[in-house]
């Protein structure tokens, strides 16, 4: 089966109910050997397109990954981007903002890390945390130093959605393509992965008590994601809801979506001018002596 990116795309204006989106679909591979072959092909093509992106120097690409804990963001980034030249790719992970970041608007700290033309930037979590975890835990909002009149929870989220959409539209108009992934994990699969992190010694470092604490707010997070995806998936910066209960399948879907997006860009290697060709031939003669 061929992966159709559109099957996972949230259309602009679409009202999302996550229960209607699967966390598991029929795998696009029949064996682990087939999975490795398909992923290898995707990685090889992605590497080639990344070189073309860098050489053409016309576009930047920003990949945003959001998900509940244990959904496989780190693994997807590591496996899918494994063949990309590190000089052409940058990964940023955003945790709780520090004091300096809290003294600025909520988009400031991530805007500083946007990719320049010719590069792929990856946000492992992003400015979307400000309408997800902050919405689930509104007490965080009250620590951000905003004037009291701006803390109206009836309006603050819609205002932040508008700010995000405006930013992403601005980026699009200036050559940055934003592709956003929500790795859609079931609560039961998260439970199994948490148990694995406890039972397998080499995974103990991945687990913390805060993971269990946030699990208590599952329903609130799903509502926050539904509102966020519905409000901020646009024609120029779409969200993709990727079934994440099968990690290997999720990686194939993510890589195919990235490939499709890159193939839509008008890219070409710079053409050599007649003057430049004469110069190169002159240099070649010197080297041939």
Protein backbone atom coordinates (compact mmCIF):
# COMPACT_ATOMS: atom_id res chain seq x y z
CA UNK A 1 0.00 0.00 0.00
CA UNK A 2 1.14 3.51 -0.77
CA UNK A 3 0.97 6.10 2.00
CA UNK A 4 -1.34 8.97 1.10
CA UNK A 5 -0.39 12.04 3.13
CA UNK A 6 -3.84 13.55 2.67
CA UNK A 7 -5.39 10.73 4.74
CA UNK A 8 -3.75 12.20 7.83
CA UNK A 9 -4.08 15.89 7.10
CA UNK A 10 -6.41 18.17 9.09
CA UNK A 11 -8.22 20.41 6.65
CA UNK A 12 -8.46 24.13 7.33
CA UNK A 13 -11.60 24.87 9.35
CA UNK A 14 -12.18 21.20 10.19
CA UNK A 15 -13.49 20.59 13.71
CA UNK A 16 -11.48 17.77 15.20
CA UNK A 17 -12.78 15.03 17.49
CA UNK A 18 -9.77 12.85 18.25
CA UNK A 19 -11.86 9.78 19.06
CA UNK A 20 -12.75 9.71 15.38
CA UNK A 21 -9.08 9.62 14.36
CA UNK A 22 -7.39 6.21 14.74
CA UNK A 23 -4.31 5.64 16.87
CA UNK A 24 -3.61 2.45 14.91
CA UNK A 25 -4.05 1.71 11.19
CA UNK A 26 -3.18 -1.24 8.98
CA UNK A 27 0.62 -1.24 8.69
CA UNK A 28 2.27 -0.18 5.46
CA UNK A 29 4.86 -2.94 5.89
CA UNK A 30 4.45 -6.73 6.07
CA UNK A 31 7.60 -7.56 8.01
CA UNK A 32 10.41 -5.87 9.88
CA UNK A 33 12.65 -6.44 6.86
CA UNK A 34 10.14 -4.65 4.64
CA UNK A 35 9.86 -1.81 7.16
CA UNK A 36 13.62 -1.34 7.19
CA UNK A 37 13.70 -1.31 3.39
CA UNK A 38 10.89 1.26 3.09
CA UNK A 39 12.34 3.51 5.77
CA UNK A 40 15.77 3.26 4.16
CA UNK A 41 14.32 4.35 0.83
CA UNK A 42 12.56 7.28 2.49
CA UNK A 43 15.70 8.34 4.33
CA UNK A 44 17.80 8.15 1.16
CA UNK A 45 15.33 10.28 -0.80
CA UNK A 46 15.03 12.72 2.10
CA UNK A 47 18.81 13.08 2.20
CA UNK A 48 18.87 13.87 -1.51
CA UNK A 49 16.08 16.44 -1.19
CA UNK A 50 17.79 18.05 1.79
CA UNK A 51 20.95 18.57 -0.30
CA UNK A 52 18.81 20.14 -3.02
CA UNK A 53 17.07 22.35 -0.43
CA UNK A 54 20.45 23.53 0.83
CA UNK A 55 21.88 24.13 -2.65
CA UNK A 56 18.85 26.00 -3.99
CA UNK A 57 18.76 28.19 -0.84
CA UNK A 58 15.22 29.42 -1.46
CA UNK A 59 13.16 27.70 1.21
CA UNK A 60 13.41 26.73 4.85
CA UNK A 61 11.42 23.85 6.32
CA UNK A 62 10.14 23.69 9.90
CA UNK A 63 8.91 20.36 11.28
CA UNK A 64 6.91 20.54 14.51
CA UNK A 65 6.28 17.46 16.65
CA UNK A 66 3.68 17.46 19.41
CA UNK A 67 2.34 14.50 21.35
CA UNK A 68 1.56 13.03 24.72
CA UNK A 69 4.46 11.46 26.62
CA UNK A 70 5.81 8.19 25.16
CA UNK A 71 4.22 8.78 21.74
CA UNK A 72 7.59 8.38 20.00
CA UNK A 73 8.61 11.91 19.02
CA UNK A 74 12.30 11.34 19.74
CA UNK A 75 12.35 8.03 17.88
CA UNK A 76 10.54 9.45 14.86
CA UNK A 77 12.98 12.34 14.63
CA UNK A 78 16.00 10.09 15.11
CA UNK A 79 14.99 7.43 12.57
CA UNK A 80 13.44 9.62 9.89
CA UNK A 81 16.21 12.22 9.90
CA UNK A 82 19.06 9.73 10.29
CA UNK A 83 20.38 10.27 6.77
CA UNK A 84 20.23 14.06 6.71
CA UNK A 85 23.50 15.99 6.81
CA UNK A 86 23.75 17.47 10.33
CA UNK A 87 24.90 20.77 8.77
CA UNK A 88 21.52 21.07 7.06
CA UNK A 89 19.31 20.10 9.99
CA UNK A 90 18.78 21.55 13.47
CA UNK A 91 16.75 20.03 16.32
CA UNK A 92 15.44 22.08 19.24
CA UNK A 93 13.60 20.73 22.29
CA UNK A 94 11.58 23.16 24.35
CA UNK A 95 11.02 22.54 28.05
CA UNK A 96 9.63 24.86 30.70
CA UNK A 97 10.58 28.48 29.84
CA UNK A 98 13.31 30.09 31.92
CA UNK A 99 13.13 33.53 33.58
CA UNK A 100 14.52 35.36 30.56
CA UNK A 101 12.05 33.67 28.21
CA UNK A 102 9.14 34.50 30.51
CA UNK A 103 10.04 38.18 30.18
CA UNK A 104 9.11 38.04 26.48
CA UNK A 105 6.00 37.14 24.51
CA UNK A 106 5.22 33.42 24.24
CA UNK A 107 6.53 33.14 20.66
CA UNK A 108 9.90 34.77 21.34
CA UNK A 109 11.97 31.80 22.48
CA UNK A 110 10.97 29.58 19.56
CA UNK A 111 11.21 32.35 16.95
CA UNK A 112 14.91 32.69 17.78
CA UNK A 113 15.41 29.08 16.67
CA UNK A 114 13.63 29.19 13.31
CA UNK A 115 15.62 27.60 10.46
CA UNK A 116 17.36 29.78 7.90
CA UNK A 117 16.87 29.25 4.18
CA UNK A 118 18.30 25.99 2.93
CA UNK A 119 17.87 24.18 6.24
CA UNK A 120 15.40 21.92 8.00
CA UNK A 121 14.50 22.94 11.54
CA UNK A 122 12.83 20.51 13.93
CA UNK A 123 10.92 21.57 17.03
CA UNK A 124 10.46 18.72 19.52
CA UNK A 125 7.55 20.44 21.26
CA UNK A 126 7.14 24.08 20.37
CA UNK A 127 5.18 27.29 20.88
CA UNK A 128 2.10 25.04 20.80
CA UNK A 129 2.87 24.11 24.40
CA UNK A 130 1.46 27.53 25.24
CA UNK A 131 -2.03 26.44 24.17
CA UNK A 132 -1.69 22.85 25.39
CA UNK A 133 0.01 22.34 28.75
CA UNK A 134 -0.70 25.95 29.73
CA UNK A 135 -4.36 25.47 28.89
CA UNK A 136 -4.55 22.25 30.90
CA UNK A 137 -2.70 23.94 33.77
CA UNK A 138 -3.88 27.57 33.68
CA UNK A 139 -1.91 28.30 36.83
CA UNK A 140 1.15 28.40 34.55
CA UNK A 141 -0.42 31.28 32.65
CA UNK A 142 -0.50 33.32 35.85
CA UNK A 143 3.29 32.95 36.21
CA UNK A 144 4.01 34.46 32.80
CA UNK A 145 3.94 38.07 33.98
CA UNK A 146 1.04 39.21 31.80
CA UNK A 147 -1.23 42.11 32.85
CA UNK A 148 -4.31 40.90 34.71
CA UNK A 149 -6.67 42.10 31.98
CA UNK A 150 -4.94 39.77 29.49
CA UNK A 151 -5.48 36.67 31.64
CA UNK A 152 -9.13 36.20 30.70
CA UNK A 153 -9.25 32.50 29.90
CA UNK A 154 -12.30 33.02 27.68
CA UNK A 155 -10.22 35.05 25.23
CA UNK A 156 -6.55 34.26 25.80
CA UNK A 157 -6.53 30.96 23.87
CA UNK A 158 -8.27 32.37 20.82
CA UNK A 159 -5.82 35.26 20.90
CA UNK A 160 -2.88 32.86 20.98
CA UNK A 161 -4.31 30.81 18.14
CA UNK A 162 -4.51 33.99 16.05
CA UNK A 163 -0.92 34.88 16.95
CA UNK A 164 0.27 31.42 15.90
CA UNK A 165 -1.64 31.42 12.62
CA UNK A 166 -0.38 34.94 11.85
CA UNK A 167 3.21 33.84 12.53
CA UNK A 168 2.92 30.77 10.33
CA UNK A 169 1.34 32.77 7.51
CA UNK A 170 4.20 35.26 7.80
CA UNK A 171 6.73 32.42 7.60
CA UNK A 172 5.01 30.99 4.53
CA UNK A 173 5.11 34.35 2.77
CA UNK A 174 8.84 34.45 3.44
CA UNK A 175 9.72 30.98 2.19
CA UNK A 176 9.45 28.82 5.31
CA UNK A 177 7.24 25.76 5.00
CA UNK A 178 5.76 24.59 8.31
CA UNK A 179 4.69 20.94 8.66
CA UNK A 180 3.11 19.93 11.97
CA UNK A 181 2.75 16.42 13.36
CA UNK A 182 0.52 15.30 16.21
CA UNK A 183 1.53 11.74 17.09
CA UNK A 184 -1.82 10.30 18.14
CA UNK A 185 -1.24 7.74 20.91
CA UNK A 186 -3.91 5.80 22.79
CA UNK A 187 -4.01 5.92 26.57
CA UNK A 188 -3.64 2.13 26.74
CA UNK A 189 -0.54 2.14 24.53
CA UNK A 190 0.96 4.89 26.68
CA UNK A 191 0.39 2.67 29.74
CA UNK A 192 2.24 -0.20 28.07
CA UNK A 193 5.17 2.03 27.12
CA UNK A 194 5.38 3.46 30.63
CA UNK A 195 5.53 -0.09 32.04
CA UNK A 196 8.31 -0.93 29.57
CA UNK A 197 10.25 2.11 30.76
CA UNK A 198 10.00 0.77 34.31
CA UNK A 199 10.69 -2.90 33.51
CA UNK A 200 13.59 -2.41 31.09
CA UNK A 201 16.67 -0.97 32.86
CA UNK A 202 17.98 0.81 29.76
CA UNK A 203 14.69 2.73 29.56
CA UNK A 204 14.49 3.77 33.22
CA UNK A 205 15.99 7.16 32.45
CA UNK A 206 13.01 7.99 30.23
CA UNK A 207 10.49 7.72 33.06
CA UNK A 208 9.62 10.24 35.75
CA UNK A 209 6.80 10.73 38.23
CA UNK A 210 5.68 13.81 36.28
CA UNK A 211 4.72 11.48 33.41
CA UNK A 212 2.19 9.73 35.64
CA UNK A 213 0.99 13.07 37.01
CA UNK A 214 0.20 14.39 33.53
CA UNK A 215 -1.55 11.14 32.60
CA UNK A 216 -4.30 12.09 35.07
CA UNK A 217 -5.19 14.98 32.77
CA UNK A 218 -5.61 12.85 29.63
CA UNK A 219 -9.15 14.04 28.84
CA UNK A 220 -8.19 17.68 29.34
CA UNK A 221 -5.19 17.26 27.01
CA UNK A 222 -7.35 15.66 24.34
CA UNK A 223 -9.76 18.60 24.49
CA UNK A 224 -6.85 21.04 24.32
CA UNK A 225 -5.41 19.23 21.29
CA UNK A 226 -8.80 19.15 19.57
CA UNK A 227 -9.23 22.89 19.99
CA UNK A 228 -5.64 23.58 18.91
CA UNK A 229 -5.69 21.38 15.80
CA UNK A 230 -9.06 22.77 14.74
CA UNK A 231 -7.96 26.38 15.14
CA UNK A 232 -4.45 26.25 13.69
CA UNK A 233 -4.41 23.78 10.79
CA UNK A 234 -4.28 25.89 7.64
CA UNK A 235 -3.67 25.36 3.95
CA UNK A 236 -0.15 26.77 4.31
CA UNK A 237 0.76 25.20 7.68
CA UNK A 238 -1.24 21.98 8.06
CA UNK A 239 -1.47 19.58 10.97
CA UNK A 240 -1.13 15.86 10.36
CA UNK A 241 -2.65 13.42 12.88
CA UNK A 242 -0.33 10.40 12.75
CA UNK A 243 -1.49 7.10 14.32
CA UNK A 244 1.28 6.41 16.82
CA UNK A 245 0.45 3.10 18.53
CA UNK A 246 2.71 1.40 15.96
CA UNK A 247 6.04 3.27 16.09
CA UNK A 248 7.39 1.84 12.84
CA UNK A 249 4.23 2.67 10.93
CA UNK A 250 4.24 6.19 12.37
CA UNK A 251 7.81 6.74 11.14
CA UNK A 252 6.90 5.66 7.63
CA UNK A 253 3.91 8.00 7.60
CA UNK A 254 5.93 10.94 8.94
CA UNK A 255 8.74 10.42 6.43
CA UNK A 256 6.30 10.16 3.52
CA UNK A 257 4.57 13.39 4.54
CA UNK A 258 7.93 15.20 4.69
CA UNK A 259 8.94 13.81 1.30
CA UNK A 260 5.66 14.91 -0.27
CA UNK A 261 6.06 18.41 1.15
CA UNK A 262 9.65 18.74 -0.09
CA UNK A 263 8.75 17.46 -3.54
CA UNK A 264 6.17 20.23 -3.85
CA UNK A 265 8.84 22.91 -3.53
CA UNK A 266 10.31 24.49 -6.64
CA UNK A 267 13.97 23.65 -6.14
CA UNK A 268 16.91 23.29 -8.51
CA UNK A 269 20.68 23.23 -8.27
CA UNK A 270 22.22 26.60 -9.20
CA UNK A 271 23.08 26.83 -12.90
CA UNK A 272 26.68 27.43 -13.88
CA UNK A 273 27.17 30.53 -16.03
CA UNK A 274 29.36 30.61 -19.12
CA UNK A 275 31.85 32.78 -17.27
CA UNK A 276 31.94 30.31 -14.40
CA UNK A 277 32.48 27.36 -16.77
CA UNK A 278 35.44 29.11 -18.39
CA UNK A 279 36.87 29.77 -14.95
CA UNK A 280 36.47 26.12 -13.97
CA UNK A 281 38.10 24.94 -17.19
CA UNK A 282 41.03 27.26 -16.52
CA UNK A 283 41.42 25.78 -13.05
CA UNK A 284 41.14 22.26 -14.49
CA UNK A 285 44.04 22.93 -16.85
CA UNK A 286 46.18 24.07 -13.95
CA UNK A 287 45.33 20.95 -11.96
CA UNK A 288 46.03 18.71 -14.96
CA UNK A 289 49.62 19.92 -15.26
